[in-house]
Amino acid sequence: MYHQEVDNYIHVDFEPENADYLKCFKGSATYAEIKAWVLQHYGFKVSSLYVAQIKRKCGLEVGENYNKPKIEDGKVPICPKEKEDAIMEAFRYFRMV
């Protein structure tokens, strides 16, 4: 196969008659998008740690944490219930759950 240069492009807009099929696709959002959405809609500032905790709770994929504590039994703050609920709403908004 080879790559061929083209001069003309065609832009196509497609709107299916039954858009319900889109609900079956999982969405995704960055941590920054989730944090911004929660701040805008709930007025809470949430940390990436809290977002990761809730992602794990939902069984979503979470990247490895490279900022591991130097002390083995270091205390990790737990996400408060009201912030957990706000993050879950953000997940629903972005169709992650």
Protein backbone atom coordinates (compact mmCIF):
# COMPACT_ATOMS: atom_id res chain seq x y z
CA MET A 1 0.00 0.00 0.00
CA TYR A 2 1.10 3.53 -0.55
CA HIS A 3 0.03 6.96 0.58
CA GLN A 4 -1.47 9.18 -2.07
CA GLU A 5 -1.79 12.94 -1.77
CA VAL A 6 -5.28 14.33 -2.39
CA ASP A 7 -6.37 17.85 -3.23
CA ASN A 8 -10.07 17.62 -2.49
CA TYR A 9 -11.85 16.56 0.66
CA ILE A 10 -15.51 15.89 1.26
CA HIS A 11 -17.06 16.73 4.63
CA VAL A 12 -20.09 14.63 5.54
CA ASP A 13 -22.48 15.26 8.44
CA PHE A 14 -24.47 12.22 9.47
CA GLU A 15 -27.34 12.20 11.94
CA PRO A 16 -28.88 8.74 12.43
CA GLU A 17 -32.64 8.52 12.83
CA ASN A 18 -32.31 6.53 16.01
CA ALA A 19 -29.53 8.05 18.13
CA ASP A 20 -30.22 5.70 21.08
CA TYR A 21 -27.42 3.45 19.93
CA LEU A 22 -24.93 6.09 21.12
CA LYS A 23 -25.85 5.31 24.72
CA CYS A 24 -24.06 1.97 24.48
CA PHE A 25 -20.68 3.63 23.84
CA LYS A 26 -18.53 4.36 26.84
CA GLY A 27 -17.10 7.85 27.04
CA SER A 28 -13.94 9.10 28.57
CA ALA A 29 -12.63 12.28 30.08
CA THR A 30 -9.31 13.46 31.43
CA TYR A 31 -8.78 14.08 35.11
CA ALA A 32 -8.64 17.83 34.35
CA GLU A 33 -12.01 17.69 32.55
CA ILE A 34 -13.61 15.81 35.44
CA LYS A 35 -12.17 18.20 38.02
CA ALA A 36 -13.31 21.24 36.01
CA TRP A 37 -16.82 19.81 35.57
CA VAL A 38 -17.17 19.13 39.31
CA LEU A 39 -15.92 22.65 40.13
CA GLN A 40 -18.31 24.26 37.65
CA HIS A 41 -21.41 22.29 38.66
CA TYR A 42 -20.84 21.68 42.38
CA GLY A 43 -18.29 24.29 43.44
CA PHE A 44 -15.99 21.59 44.85
CA LYS A 45 -12.31 21.35 44.12
CA VAL A 46 -11.45 17.65 43.89
CA SER A 47 -8.00 16.14 43.67
CA SER A 48 -6.75 13.65 41.13
CA LEU A 49 -6.39 11.23 44.04
CA TYR A 50 -10.13 11.43 44.73
CA VAL A 51 -10.96 10.94 41.04
CA ALA A 52 -8.67 7.89 40.93
CA GLN A 53 -10.26 6.44 44.08
CA ILE A 54 -13.73 6.69 42.59
CA LYS A 55 -12.54 5.29 39.25
CA ARG A 56 -11.16 2.25 41.09
CA LYS A 57 -14.41 1.92 43.03
CA CYS A 58 -16.30 1.80 39.70
CA GLY A 59 -13.87 -0.68 38.18
CA LEU A 60 -12.54 1.83 35.65
CA GLU A 61 -8.96 1.72 34.44
CA VAL A 62 -6.54 3.83 36.47
CA GLY A 63 -2.94 4.53 35.53
CA GLU A 64 -0.09 3.70 37.87
CA ASN A 65 0.70 6.30 40.52
CA TYR A 66 4.30 7.41 40.27
CA ASN A 67 4.09 9.69 43.33
CA LYS A 68 4.10 6.83 45.79
CA PRO A 69 4.66 7.70 49.46
CA LYS A 70 8.17 7.19 50.82
CA ILE A 71 6.75 5.72 54.02
CA GLU A 72 5.08 2.31 53.61
CA ASP A 73 2.20 3.01 55.99
CA GLY A 74 1.59 6.61 54.85
CA LYS A 75 -1.95 7.81 55.38
CA VAL A 76 -4.03 8.41 52.27
CA PRO A 77 -7.04 10.73 52.54
CA ILE A 78 -10.39 9.15 51.66
CA CYS A 79 -12.78 10.99 49.34
CA PRO A 80 -15.71 12.54 51.28
CA LYS A 81 -19.20 11.35 50.34
CA GLU A 82 -20.35 14.67 48.81
CA LYS A 83 -17.28 14.84 46.58
CA GLU A 84 -17.71 11.18 45.64
CA ASP A 85 -21.28 11.89 44.55
CA ALA A 86 -20.13 14.89 42.49
CA ILE A 87 -17.41 12.83 40.78
CA MET A 88 -19.92 10.08 40.04
CA GLU A 89 -22.19 12.67 38.38
CA ALA A 90 -19.24 13.80 36.28
CA PHE A 91 -18.63 10.17 35.26
CA ARG A 92 -22.27 9.90 34.21
CA TYR A 93 -22.07 13.20 32.31
CA PHE A 94 -19.01 11.97 30.39
CA ARG A 95 -20.67 8.55 29.92
CA MET A 96 -17.93 6.72 31.74
CA VAL A 97 -20.38 4.68 33.83
